[in-house]
Amino acid sequence: MKNKIRVILKPDKNRNYIITTAMGEPYLSNFTSYSMPSWIEYCNRFGLGLAIVDKELINSDDKYYKKPIWQQLLIGKEMQVIDNLVNNICYLDTDIIISPIAPNIFDFHDDTKISVTSLRNNLPFSYDIAIRKMAFFRNKYYDQKYPLDSALFISNDNLFKANNLELPKIVDEVCAGMYVFNVKKYSDFFEHIFYLYTKDIKTLSNGGIQTHFNYHVLNNKVNFLSYKFQAMWVFEQAMKYPFLYDSPSADMINKCVDSVLLDNYFLHFAGSWHESEMWKSDEILKLKSISMMNDFAMYLKQKVSGEPVGMVTP
């Protein structure tokens, strides 16, 4: 039987992979055009494998078939068929761009836990202010019908309750668009979650995986990674670049995205509003920007004395 996961790059002896699901168009072409170049550079730098799920892992007439995003839960088991030495997998959504100066995420992973990032805690700014700015500027510049009070502000308690779930052991919200797990330890765990729910599942996100993923993962052992490993563009735009809501130029967007990638490792363009389309540019991370970021990364390692050098004039 033909493999349903396509291996783009084979890993080194550590057997760690970056994997995404890109089934059908425009997901596959968008990924290969806009995200994959930064992923290939990242994987080559650290000897990581790179693979794409570009075919359905389960038949659409199966009673357990759900939105394709759920099939990320099956990649651990599927990869063991392709590479029986696979060690850890970092799952990423296709709409994530990786900074050229990002460190190896597997160096921060704990094999005994599932590594995730919080959407609500340990952010470099106020979560409440970030989502209020999102609502305010979407209402002001995108659509006056956009509500200033909605489920965007839902509490953790009500988030799980709205999805007919109890509050998990760890009270938080993480994004199912980026996580790391050890294949031997957690492949069965994720597969079990997939087969707990049939195709008629109802969720607050119209059949999506987000809150159910949270419920099961946050009842397990979790290793919280830095926000830098999943900086959210909707937060970054709202907090740092609100001028982008008002008819931004492509050049302006590209420069702002590059600026975020100078400070963060993985940048996720999650969402369904106009902000989520801003990653679709082949002008992000051009050679000049990559060179500057690499120079800056080297400069950060340079010791500085603080010795006066006299008046410096332009």
C-alpha atoms as a PDB file:
ATOM      1  CA  MET A   1       0.000   0.000   0.000  1.00  0.00           C
ATOM      2  CA  LYS A   2       1.319   3.420  -0.928  1.00  0.00           C
ATOM      3  CA  ASN A   3       2.352   5.618   2.003  1.00  0.00           C
ATOM      4  CA  LYS A   4       0.018   8.516   2.739  1.00  0.00           C
ATOM      5  CA  ILE A   5       2.781  10.575   4.316  1.00  0.00           C
ATOM      6  CA  ARG A   6       5.365  11.980   1.911  1.00  0.00           C
ATOM      7  CA  VAL A   7       8.875  12.304   3.324  1.00  0.00           C
ATOM      8  CA  ILE A   8      10.611  15.385   1.885  1.00  0.00           C
ATOM      9  CA  LEU A   9      13.790  15.234   3.982  1.00  0.00           C
ATOM     10  CA  LYS A  10      15.181  12.290   5.912  1.00  0.00           C
ATOM     11  CA  PRO A  11      16.420  12.983   9.455  1.00  0.00           C
ATOM     12  CA  ASP A  12      19.849  12.408  10.970  1.00  0.00           C
ATOM     13  CA  LYS A  13      20.534   9.833  13.681  1.00  0.00           C
ATOM     14  CA  ASN A  14      18.190  11.624  16.137  1.00  0.00           C
ATOM     15  CA  ARG A  15      15.209  10.587  13.959  1.00  0.00           C
ATOM     16  CA  ASN A  16      13.159  13.707  14.712  1.00  0.00           C
ATOM     17  CA  TYR A  17      10.614  15.001  12.196  1.00  0.00           C
ATOM     18  CA  ILE A  18       8.654  18.154  11.436  1.00  0.00           C
ATOM     19  CA  ILE A  19       5.289  17.076   9.963  1.00  0.00           C
ATOM     20  CA  THR A  20       2.231  18.907   8.650  1.00  0.00           C
ATOM     21  CA  THR A  21      -1.122  18.005   7.098  1.00  0.00           C
ATOM     22  CA  ALA A  22      -1.756  19.623   3.694  1.00  0.00           C
ATOM     23  CA  MET A  23      -4.514  17.611   2.046  1.00  0.00           C
ATOM     24  CA  GLY A  24      -5.896  19.108  -1.144  1.00  0.00           C
ATOM     25  CA  GLU A  25      -5.855  22.593  -2.561  1.00  0.00           C
ATOM     26  CA  PRO A  26      -5.201  25.367  -1.812  1.00  0.00           C
ATOM     27  CA  TYR A  27      -3.551  24.047   1.356  1.00  0.00           C
ATOM     28  CA  LEU A  28      -0.757  22.134  -0.370  1.00  0.00           C
ATOM     29  CA  SER A  29       0.220  24.799  -2.906  1.00  0.00           C
ATOM     30  CA  ASN A  30       0.069  27.576  -0.297  1.00  0.00           C
ATOM     31  CA  PHE A  31       2.296  25.577   2.004  1.00  0.00           C
ATOM     32  CA  THR A  32       4.872  24.704  -0.653  1.00  0.00           C
ATOM     33  CA  SER A  33       4.947  28.307  -1.922  1.00  0.00           C
ATOM     34  CA  TYR A  34       5.015  30.312   1.300  1.00  0.00           C
ATOM     35  CA  SER A  35       5.961  28.188   4.329  1.00  0.00           C
ATOM     36  CA  MET A  36       7.977  25.213   3.163  1.00  0.00           C
ATOM     37  CA  PRO A  37      11.131  27.124   2.149  1.00  0.00           C
ATOM     38  CA  SER A  38      11.671  28.263   5.761  1.00  0.00           C
ATOM     39  CA  TRP A  39      10.924  24.728   7.019  1.00  0.00           C
ATOM     40  CA  ILE A  40      13.462  23.150   4.638  1.00  0.00           C
ATOM     41  CA  GLU A  41      16.164  25.586   5.757  1.00  0.00           C
ATOM     42  CA  TYR A  42      15.323  24.842   9.403  1.00  0.00           C
ATOM     43  CA  CYS A  43      15.331  21.061   8.951  1.00  0.00           C
ATOM     44  CA  ASN A  44      18.608  21.128   7.021  1.00  0.00           C
ATOM     45  CA  ARG A  45      20.220  23.255   9.735  1.00  0.00           C
ATOM     46  CA  PHE A  46      19.417  20.757  12.492  1.00  0.00           C
ATOM     47  CA  GLY A  47      19.277  17.456  10.599  1.00  0.00           C
ATOM     48  CA  LEU A  48      15.516  17.077  11.010  1.00  0.00           C
ATOM     49  CA  GLY A  49      13.200  15.051   8.839  1.00  0.00           C
ATOM     50  CA  LEU A  50      10.386  16.829   7.005  1.00  0.00           C
ATOM     51  CA  ALA A  51       7.171  15.098   5.968  1.00  0.00           C
ATOM     52  CA  ILE A  52       3.769  16.101   4.587  1.00  0.00           C
ATOM     53  CA  VAL A  53       0.444  14.320   4.974  1.00  0.00           C
ATOM     54  CA  ASP A  54      -1.027  15.093   1.562  1.00  0.00           C
ATOM     55  CA  LYS A  55      -3.509  12.213   1.346  1.00  0.00           C
ATOM     56  CA  GLU A  56      -6.399  11.261   3.614  1.00  0.00           C
ATOM     57  CA  LEU A  57      -5.360   8.805   6.327  1.00  0.00           C
ATOM     58  CA  ILE A  58      -8.939   7.542   6.738  1.00  0.00           C
ATOM     59  CA  ASN A  59     -11.759   7.031   4.225  1.00  0.00           C
ATOM     60  CA  SER A  60     -14.408   9.733   4.110  1.00  0.00           C
ATOM     61  CA  ASP A  61     -17.213   7.167   4.495  1.00  0.00           C
ATOM     62  CA  ASP A  62     -15.780   5.883   7.775  1.00  0.00           C
ATOM     63  CA  LYS A  63     -17.928   6.696  10.818  1.00  0.00           C
ATOM     64  CA  TYR A  64     -14.854   8.226  12.504  1.00  0.00           C
ATOM     65  CA  TYR A  65     -14.060  10.546   9.595  1.00  0.00           C
ATOM     66  CA  LYS A  66     -14.095  14.197  10.728  1.00  0.00           C
ATOM     67  CA  LYS A  67     -12.644  17.440   9.434  1.00  0.00           C
ATOM     68  CA  PRO A  68      -9.207  16.665   7.924  1.00  0.00           C
ATOM     69  CA  ILE A  69      -7.446  18.611  10.700  1.00  0.00           C
ATOM     70  CA  TRP A  70      -8.320  15.746  13.079  1.00  0.00           C
ATOM     71  CA  GLN A  71      -6.065  13.423  11.097  1.00  0.00           C
ATOM     72  CA  GLN A  72      -3.002  15.008  12.651  1.00  0.00           C
ATOM     73  CA  LEU A  73      -3.780  12.685  15.574  1.00  0.00           C
ATOM     74  CA  LEU A  74      -2.953   9.670  13.392  1.00  0.00           C
ATOM     75  CA  ILE A  75       0.471  10.733  12.114  1.00  0.00           C
ATOM     76  CA  GLY A  76       2.429   9.071  14.928  1.00  0.00           C
ATOM     77  CA  LYS A  77       1.069   5.621  14.103  1.00  0.00           C
ATOM     78  CA  GLU A  78       1.395   6.214  10.357  1.00  0.00           C
ATOM     79  CA  MET A  79       5.016   7.372  10.646  1.00  0.00           C
ATOM     80  CA  GLN A  80       5.986   4.211  12.531  1.00  0.00           C
ATOM     81  CA  VAL A  81       5.082   2.279   9.364  1.00  0.00           C
ATOM     82  CA  ILE A  82       7.260   4.545   7.216  1.00  0.00           C
ATOM     83  CA  ASP A  83      10.201   4.867   9.637  1.00  0.00           C
ATOM     84  CA  ASN A  84      10.292   2.384  12.499  1.00  0.00           C
ATOM     85  CA  LEU A  85      13.114   4.356  14.097  1.00  0.00           C
ATOM     86  CA  VAL A  86      11.187   7.643  14.267  1.00  0.00           C
ATOM     87  CA  ASN A  87      11.762   9.307  17.630  1.00  0.00           C
ATOM     88  CA  ASN A  88       9.922  12.614  18.125  1.00  0.00           C
ATOM     89  CA  ILE A  89       7.490  14.503  15.913  1.00  0.00           C
ATOM     90  CA  CYS A  90       6.805  18.226  15.890  1.00  0.00           C
ATOM     91  CA  TYR A  91       3.419  18.770  14.302  1.00  0.00           C
ATOM     92  CA  LEU A  92       2.943  22.206  12.685  1.00  0.00           C
ATOM     93  CA  ASP A  93       0.008  23.758  10.850  1.00  0.00           C
ATOM     94  CA  THR A  94       0.854  24.770   7.295  1.00  0.00           C
ATOM     95  CA  ASP A  95       0.408  28.493   8.002  1.00  0.00           C
ATOM     96  CA  ILE A  96       3.514  28.761  10.177  1.00  0.00           C
ATOM     97  CA  ILE A  97       6.737  30.461   9.082  1.00  0.00           C
ATOM     98  CA  ILE A  98       9.982  29.545  10.851  1.00  0.00           C
ATOM     99  CA  SER A  99      12.586  32.188  11.635  1.00  0.00           C
ATOM    100  CA  PRO A 100      16.071  31.596  10.189  1.00  0.00           C
ATOM    101  CA  ILE A 101      17.514  32.117  13.689  1.00  0.00           C
ATOM    102  CA  ALA A 102      15.136  29.740  15.504  1.00  0.00           C
ATOM    103  CA  PRO A 103      16.836  27.148  17.742  1.00  0.00           C
ATOM    104  CA  ASN A 104      16.135  23.417  17.464  1.00  0.00           C
ATOM    105  CA  ILE A 105      12.726  22.892  19.090  1.00  0.00           C
ATOM    106  CA  PHE A 106      13.613  19.313  20.030  1.00  0.00           C
ATOM    107  CA  ASP A 107      16.313  20.656  22.363  1.00  0.00           C
ATOM    108  CA  PHE A 108      13.479  22.107  24.471  1.00  0.00           C
ATOM    109  CA  HIS A 109      11.251  19.028  24.380  1.00  0.00           C
ATOM    110  CA  ASP A 110      10.750  16.525  27.213  1.00  0.00           C
ATOM    111  CA  ASP A 111      10.177  13.031  25.773  1.00  0.00           C
ATOM    112  CA  THR A 112       8.008  12.082  28.738  1.00  0.00           C
ATOM    113  CA  LYS A 113       5.558  14.930  28.069  1.00  0.00           C
ATOM    114  CA  ILE A 114       3.691  16.644  25.246  1.00  0.00           C
ATOM    115  CA  SER A 115       5.305  19.993  24.436  1.00  0.00           C
ATOM    116  CA  VAL A 116       2.879  22.844  23.728  1.00  0.00           C
ATOM    117  CA  THR A 117       2.583  26.629  23.992  1.00  0.00           C
ATOM    118  CA  SER A 118      -0.106  28.500  25.899  1.00  0.00           C
ATOM    119  CA  LEU A 119      -2.486  30.841  24.107  1.00  0.00           C
ATOM    120  CA  ARG A 120      -3.383  32.685  27.308  1.00  0.00           C
ATOM    121  CA  ASN A 121      -0.497  32.567  29.772  1.00  0.00           C
ATOM    122  CA  ASN A 122       3.162  33.608  29.721  1.00  0.00           C
ATOM    123  CA  LEU A 123       2.622  35.906  26.751  1.00  0.00           C
ATOM    124  CA  PRO A 124       4.972  38.890  26.322  1.00  0.00           C
ATOM    125  CA  PHE A 125       1.927  41.173  26.627  1.00  0.00           C
ATOM    126  CA  SER A 126      -1.539  41.236  28.159  1.00  0.00           C
ATOM    127  CA  TYR A 127      -3.811  38.565  26.654  1.00  0.00           C
ATOM    128  CA  ASP A 128      -6.891  40.607  27.554  1.00  0.00           C
ATOM    129  CA  ILE A 129      -5.585  43.743  25.852  1.00  0.00           C
ATOM    130  CA  ALA A 130      -4.515  41.747  22.773  1.00  0.00           C
ATOM    131  CA  ILE A 131      -7.971  40.270  22.157  1.00  0.00           C
ATOM    132  CA  ARG A 132      -9.676  43.584  22.920  1.00  0.00           C
ATOM    133  CA  LYS A 133      -7.486  45.274  20.308  1.00  0.00           C
ATOM    134  CA  MET A 134      -8.301  42.489  17.829  1.00  0.00           C
ATOM    135  CA  ALA A 135     -12.029  43.023  18.303  1.00  0.00           C
ATOM    136  CA  PHE A 136     -11.787  46.811  18.245  1.00  0.00           C
ATOM    137  CA  PHE A 137      -9.675  47.087  15.079  1.00  0.00           C
ATOM    138  CA  ARG A 138     -11.581  44.371  13.209  1.00  0.00           C
ATOM    139  CA  ASN A 139     -14.782  46.255  13.972  1.00  0.00           C
ATOM    140  CA  LYS A 140     -13.285  49.596  12.991  1.00  0.00           C
ATOM    141  CA  TYR A 141     -11.480  48.602   9.772  1.00  0.00           C
ATOM    142  CA  TYR A 142     -12.719  45.196   8.574  1.00  0.00           C
ATOM    143  CA  ASP A 143     -16.432  45.012   9.284  1.00  0.00           C
ATOM    144  CA  GLN A 144     -18.650  47.125  11.538  1.00  0.00           C
ATOM    145  CA  LYS A 145     -20.708  43.983  12.154  1.00  0.00           C
ATOM    146  CA  TYR A 146     -17.751  42.358  13.881  1.00  0.00           C
ATOM    147  CA  PRO A 147     -18.884  42.076  17.540  1.00  0.00           C
ATOM    148  CA  LEU A 148     -17.072  43.909  20.297  1.00  0.00           C
ATOM    149  CA  ASP A 149     -18.250  41.203  22.683  1.00  0.00           C
ATOM    150  CA  SER A 150     -18.275  37.567  21.561  1.00  0.00           C
ATOM    151  CA  ALA A 151     -16.821  34.091  22.201  1.00  0.00           C
ATOM    152  CA  LEU A 152     -13.431  35.659  21.533  1.00  0.00           C
ATOM    153  CA  PHE A 153     -13.537  36.594  25.230  1.00  0.00           C
ATOM    154  CA  ILE A 154     -14.803  33.246  26.528  1.00  0.00           C
ATOM    155  CA  SER A 155     -13.310  32.039  29.811  1.00  0.00           C
ATOM    156  CA  ASN A 156     -11.539  28.693  30.084  1.00  0.00           C
ATOM    157  CA  ASP A 157     -14.427  27.342  32.152  1.00  0.00           C
ATOM    158  CA  ASN A 158     -17.036  28.307  29.583  1.00  0.00           C
ATOM    159  CA  LEU A 159     -14.860  27.230  26.644  1.00  0.00           C
ATOM    160  CA  PHE A 160     -14.883  23.610  27.781  1.00  0.00           C
ATOM    161  CA  LYS A 161     -18.492  23.767  28.971  1.00  0.00           C
ATOM    162  CA  ALA A 162     -19.614  25.026  25.539  1.00  0.00           C
ATOM    163  CA  ASN A 163     -18.012  21.942  24.001  1.00  0.00           C
ATOM    164  CA  ASN A 164     -19.676  19.612  26.539  1.00  0.00           C
ATOM    165  CA  LEU A 165     -16.363  18.918  28.230  1.00  0.00           C
ATOM    166  CA  GLU A 166     -15.259  19.135  31.837  1.00  0.00           C
ATOM    167  CA  LEU A 167     -12.465  21.460  32.886  1.00  0.00           C
ATOM    168  CA  PRO A 168      -9.116  19.657  32.390  1.00  0.00           C
ATOM    169  CA  LYS A 169      -6.547  19.077  35.113  1.00  0.00           C
ATOM    170  CA  ILE A 170      -4.379  21.903  33.761  1.00  0.00           C
ATOM    171  CA  VAL A 171      -6.596  24.967  33.285  1.00  0.00           C
ATOM    172  CA  ASP A 172      -5.269  26.714  30.185  1.00  0.00           C
ATOM    173  CA  GLU A 173      -5.708  26.859  26.433  1.00  0.00           C
ATOM    174  CA  VAL A 174      -3.043  25.718  23.988  1.00  0.00           C
ATOM    175  CA  CYS A 175      -3.040  25.828  20.200  1.00  0.00           C
ATOM    176  CA  ALA A 176      -3.362  22.490  18.396  1.00  0.00           C
ATOM    177  CA  GLY A 177      -1.341  23.981  15.537  1.00  0.00           C
ATOM    178  CA  MET A 178       2.023  23.227  17.154  1.00  0.00           C
ATOM    179  CA  TYR A 179       3.047  20.459  19.528  1.00  0.00           C
ATOM    180  CA  VAL A 180       5.858  17.952  20.004  1.00  0.00           C
ATOM    181  CA  PHE A 181       5.519  14.358  21.148  1.00  0.00           C
ATOM    182  CA  ASN A 182       7.529  11.174  21.459  1.00  0.00           C
ATOM    183  CA  VAL A 183       6.161   8.627  19.017  1.00  0.00           C
ATOM    184  CA  LYS A 184       6.606   5.514  21.156  1.00  0.00           C
ATOM    185  CA  LYS A 185       5.031   7.137  24.199  1.00  0.00           C
ATOM    186  CA  TYR A 186       2.164   9.120  22.666  1.00  0.00           C
ATOM    187  CA  SER A 187       1.130   7.695  19.272  1.00  0.00           C
ATOM    188  CA  ASP A 188      -1.443   5.393  20.885  1.00  0.00           C
ATOM    189  CA  PHE A 189      -2.677   8.271  23.041  1.00  0.00           C
ATOM    190  CA  PHE A 190      -3.389  10.512  20.041  1.00  0.00           C
ATOM    191  CA  GLU A 191      -4.893   7.699  17.981  1.00  0.00           C
ATOM    192  CA  HIS A 192      -7.214   6.902  20.883  1.00  0.00           C
ATOM    193  CA  ILE A 193      -8.443  10.512  20.942  1.00  0.00           C
ATOM    194  CA  PHE A 194      -9.215  10.348  17.220  1.00  0.00           C
ATOM    195  CA  TYR A 195     -11.369   7.235  17.586  1.00  0.00           C
ATOM    196  CA  LEU A 196     -13.253   8.548  20.602  1.00  0.00           C
ATOM    197  CA  TYR A 197     -15.323  10.821  18.344  1.00  0.00           C
ATOM    198  CA  THR A 198     -17.419  10.025  15.298  1.00  0.00           C
ATOM    199  CA  LYS A 199     -18.119  12.204  12.276  1.00  0.00           C
ATOM    200  CA  ASP A 200     -21.221  13.731  13.853  1.00  0.00           C
ATOM    201  CA  ILE A 201     -19.220  15.490  16.591  1.00  0.00           C
ATOM    202  CA  LYS A 202     -20.401  19.017  17.371  1.00  0.00           C
ATOM    203  CA  THR A 203     -17.890  21.598  18.573  1.00  0.00           C
ATOM    204  CA  LEU A 204     -17.856  25.338  19.131  1.00  0.00           C
ATOM    205  CA  SER A 205     -15.476  25.616  16.169  1.00  0.00           C
ATOM    206  CA  ASN A 206     -17.910  23.887  13.787  1.00  0.00           C
ATOM    207  CA  GLY A 207     -16.430  20.412  14.109  1.00  0.00           C
ATOM    208  CA  GLY A 208     -12.851  21.543  14.691  1.00  0.00           C
ATOM    209  CA  ILE A 209     -10.288  19.887  16.937  1.00  0.00           C
ATOM    210  CA  GLN A 210      -9.044  22.740  19.133  1.00  0.00           C
ATOM    211  CA  THR A 211     -10.961  22.352  22.415  1.00  0.00           C
ATOM    212  CA  HIS A 212     -11.106  18.548  22.379  1.00  0.00           C
ATOM    213  CA  PHE A 213      -7.365  18.461  21.748  1.00  0.00           C
ATOM    214  CA  ASN A 214      -6.976  20.767  24.758  1.00  0.00           C
ATOM    215  CA  TYR A 215      -9.163  18.625  26.976  1.00  0.00           C
ATOM    216  CA  HIS A 216      -7.147  15.448  26.430  1.00  0.00           C
ATOM    217  CA  VAL A 217      -3.670  16.989  26.295  1.00  0.00           C
ATOM    218  CA  LEU A 218      -4.194  19.165  29.373  1.00  0.00           C
ATOM    219  CA  ASN A 219      -5.239  16.087  31.304  1.00  0.00           C
ATOM    220  CA  ASN A 220      -1.847  14.554  30.491  1.00  0.00           C
ATOM    221  CA  LYS A 221       1.756  15.504  31.206  1.00  0.00           C
ATOM    222  CA  VAL A 222       2.547  18.792  29.504  1.00  0.00           C
ATOM    223  CA  ASN A 223       5.781  20.656  28.861  1.00  0.00           C
ATOM    224  CA  PHE A 224       5.106  24.334  28.196  1.00  0.00           C
ATOM    225  CA  LEU A 225       7.427  25.878  25.632  1.00  0.00           C
ATOM    226  CA  SER A 226       8.124  29.570  25.193  1.00  0.00           C
ATOM    227  CA  TYR A 227       5.565  31.660  23.312  1.00  0.00           C
ATOM    228  CA  LYS A 228       8.388  32.231  20.820  1.00  0.00           C
ATOM    229  CA  PHE A 229       7.769  28.729  19.470  1.00  0.00           C
ATOM    230  CA  GLN A 230       4.261  29.731  18.439  1.00  0.00           C
ATOM    231  CA  ALA A 231       3.967  33.482  18.255  1.00  0.00           C
ATOM    232  CA  MET A 232       0.452  34.276  17.068  1.00  0.00           C
ATOM    233  CA  TRP A 233       0.273  36.818  14.251  1.00  0.00           C
ATOM    234  CA  VAL A 234      -3.175  38.015  15.319  1.00  0.00           C
ATOM    235  CA  PHE A 235      -1.680  38.980  18.695  1.00  0.00           C
ATOM    236  CA  GLU A 236       1.464  40.491  17.187  1.00  0.00           C
ATOM    237  CA  GLN A 237      -0.490  42.624  14.713  1.00  0.00           C
ATOM    238  CA  ALA A 238      -2.944  43.842  17.333  1.00  0.00           C
ATOM    239  CA  MET A 239      -0.273  44.721  19.882  1.00  0.00           C
ATOM    240  CA  LYS A 240       2.569  46.017  17.700  1.00  0.00           C
ATOM    241  CA  TYR A 241       1.289  46.863  14.219  1.00  0.00           C
ATOM    242  CA  PRO A 242      -2.338  48.071  14.472  1.00  0.00           C
ATOM    243  CA  PHE A 243      -1.757  50.294  11.420  1.00  0.00           C
ATOM    244  CA  LEU A 244      -1.853  47.099   9.317  1.00  0.00           C
ATOM    245  CA  TYR A 245      -5.626  46.893   9.808  1.00  0.00           C
ATOM    246  CA  ASP A 246      -6.083  49.996   7.648  1.00  0.00           C
ATOM    247  CA  SER A 247      -5.230  49.210   3.984  1.00  0.00           C
ATOM    248  CA  PRO A 248      -1.627  48.026   4.440  1.00  0.00           C
ATOM    249  CA  SER A 249       0.754  47.667   1.518  1.00  0.00           C
ATOM    250  CA  ALA A 250       2.370  44.308   0.783  1.00  0.00           C
ATOM    251  CA  ASP A 251       5.783  45.797   1.525  1.00  0.00           C
ATOM    252  CA  MET A 252       4.597  47.067   4.905  1.00  0.00           C
ATOM    253  CA  ILE A 253       3.216  43.624   5.830  1.00  0.00           C
ATOM    254  CA  ASN A 254       6.421  41.875   4.778  1.00  0.00           C
ATOM    255  CA  LYS A 255       8.587  44.186   6.880  1.00  0.00           C
ATOM    256  CA  CYS A 256       6.381  43.710   9.941  1.00  0.00           C
ATOM    257  CA  VAL A 257       6.404  39.925   9.555  1.00  0.00           C
ATOM    258  CA  ASP A 258      10.192  39.948   9.232  1.00  0.00           C
ATOM    259  CA  SER A 259      10.362  42.071  12.371  1.00  0.00           C
ATOM    260  CA  VAL A 260       8.315  39.511  14.337  1.00  0.00           C
ATOM    261  CA  LEU A 261      10.562  36.710  13.045  1.00  0.00           C
ATOM    262  CA  LEU A 262      13.573  38.573  14.399  1.00  0.00           C
ATOM    263  CA  ASP A 263      12.125  38.244  17.917  1.00  0.00           C
ATOM    264  CA  ASN A 264      10.333  34.873  17.679  1.00  0.00           C
ATOM    265  CA  TYR A 265      10.983  31.369  16.376  1.00  0.00           C
ATOM    266  CA  PHE A 266       7.731  30.106  14.819  1.00  0.00           C
ATOM    267  CA  LEU A 267       5.066  32.557  13.624  1.00  0.00           C
ATOM    268  CA  HIS A 268       1.541  31.170  13.247  1.00  0.00           C
ATOM    269  CA  PHE A 269      -1.050  32.892  11.030  1.00  0.00           C
ATOM    270  CA  ALA A 270      -4.037  31.094  12.582  1.00  0.00           C
ATOM    271  CA  GLY A 271      -7.551  32.395  12.134  1.00  0.00           C
ATOM    272  CA  SER A 272     -10.131  33.116   9.468  1.00  0.00           C
ATOM    273  CA  TRP A 273     -10.000  36.918   9.237  1.00  0.00           C
ATOM    274  CA  HIS A 274      -7.845  39.118   7.009  1.00  0.00           C
ATOM    275  CA  GLU A 275      -4.782  38.846   9.259  1.00  0.00           C
ATOM    276  CA  SER A 276      -4.526  35.110   8.576  1.00  0.00           C
ATOM    277  CA  GLU A 277      -3.872  35.749   4.876  1.00  0.00           C
ATOM    278  CA  MET A 278      -0.797  37.895   5.432  1.00  0.00           C
ATOM    279  CA  TRP A 279       1.674  34.982   5.311  1.00  0.00           C
ATOM    280  CA  LYS A 280       0.947  34.381   1.622  1.00  0.00           C
ATOM    281  CA  SER A 281       3.879  36.327   0.242  1.00  0.00           C
ATOM    282  CA  ASP A 282       7.104  35.158  -1.362  1.00  0.00           C
ATOM    283  CA  GLU A 283       8.707  38.448  -0.305  1.00  0.00           C
ATOM    284  CA  ILE A 284       8.885  37.432   3.379  1.00  0.00           C
ATOM    285  CA  LEU A 285      12.357  36.346   4.490  1.00  0.00           C
ATOM    286  CA  LYS A 286      14.237  37.433   1.402  1.00  0.00           C
ATOM    287  CA  LEU A 287      18.013  36.926   1.417  1.00  0.00           C
ATOM    288  CA  LYS A 288      18.688  40.425   2.747  1.00  0.00           C
ATOM    289  CA  SER A 289      16.422  39.859   5.770  1.00  0.00           C
ATOM    290  CA  ILE A 290      17.853  36.403   6.458  1.00  0.00           C
ATOM    291  CA  SER A 291      21.386  37.778   6.328  1.00  0.00           C
ATOM    292  CA  MET A 292      20.481  40.579   8.740  1.00  0.00           C
ATOM    293  CA  MET A 293      18.861  38.131  11.180  1.00  0.00           C
ATOM    294  CA  ASN A 294      21.860  35.817  11.097  1.00  0.00           C
ATOM    295  CA  ASP A 295      24.195  38.775  11.687  1.00  0.00           C
ATOM    296  CA  PHE A 296      22.051  39.858  14.631  1.00  0.00           C
ATOM    297  CA  ALA A 297      22.087  36.335  16.089  1.00  0.00           C
ATOM    298  CA  MET A 298      25.893  36.351  15.903  1.00  0.00           C
ATOM    299  CA  TYR A 299      26.037  39.827  17.445  1.00  0.00           C
ATOM    300  CA  LEU A 300      23.981  38.649  20.430  1.00  0.00           C
ATOM    301  CA  LYS A 301      26.796  36.206  21.228  1.00  0.00           C
ATOM    302  CA  GLN A 302      29.401  38.968  21.150  1.00  0.00           C
ATOM    303  CA  LYS A 303      30.636  40.223  24.500  1.00  0.00           C
ATOM    304  CA  VAL A 304      30.369  43.970  25.038  1.00  0.00           C
ATOM    305  CA  SER A 305      32.567  45.894  27.460  1.00  0.00           C
ATOM    306  CA  GLY A 306      30.573  49.086  27.946  1.00  0.00           C
ATOM    307  CA  GLU A 307      33.789  51.085  27.554  1.00  0.00           C
ATOM    308  CA  PRO A 308      33.224  54.656  26.282  1.00  0.00           C
ATOM    309  CA  VAL A 309      34.414  55.199  22.712  1.00  0.00           C
ATOM    310  CA  GLY A 310      33.947  58.940  22.591  1.00  0.00           C
ATOM    311  CA  MET A 311      31.432  60.985  20.640  1.00  0.00           C
ATOM    312  CA  VAL A 312      30.042  59.063  17.672  1.00  0.00           C
ATOM    313  CA  THR A 313      28.753  61.296  14.869  1.00  0.00           C
ATOM    314  CA  PRO A 314      26.718  60.239  11.827  1.00  0.00           C
END
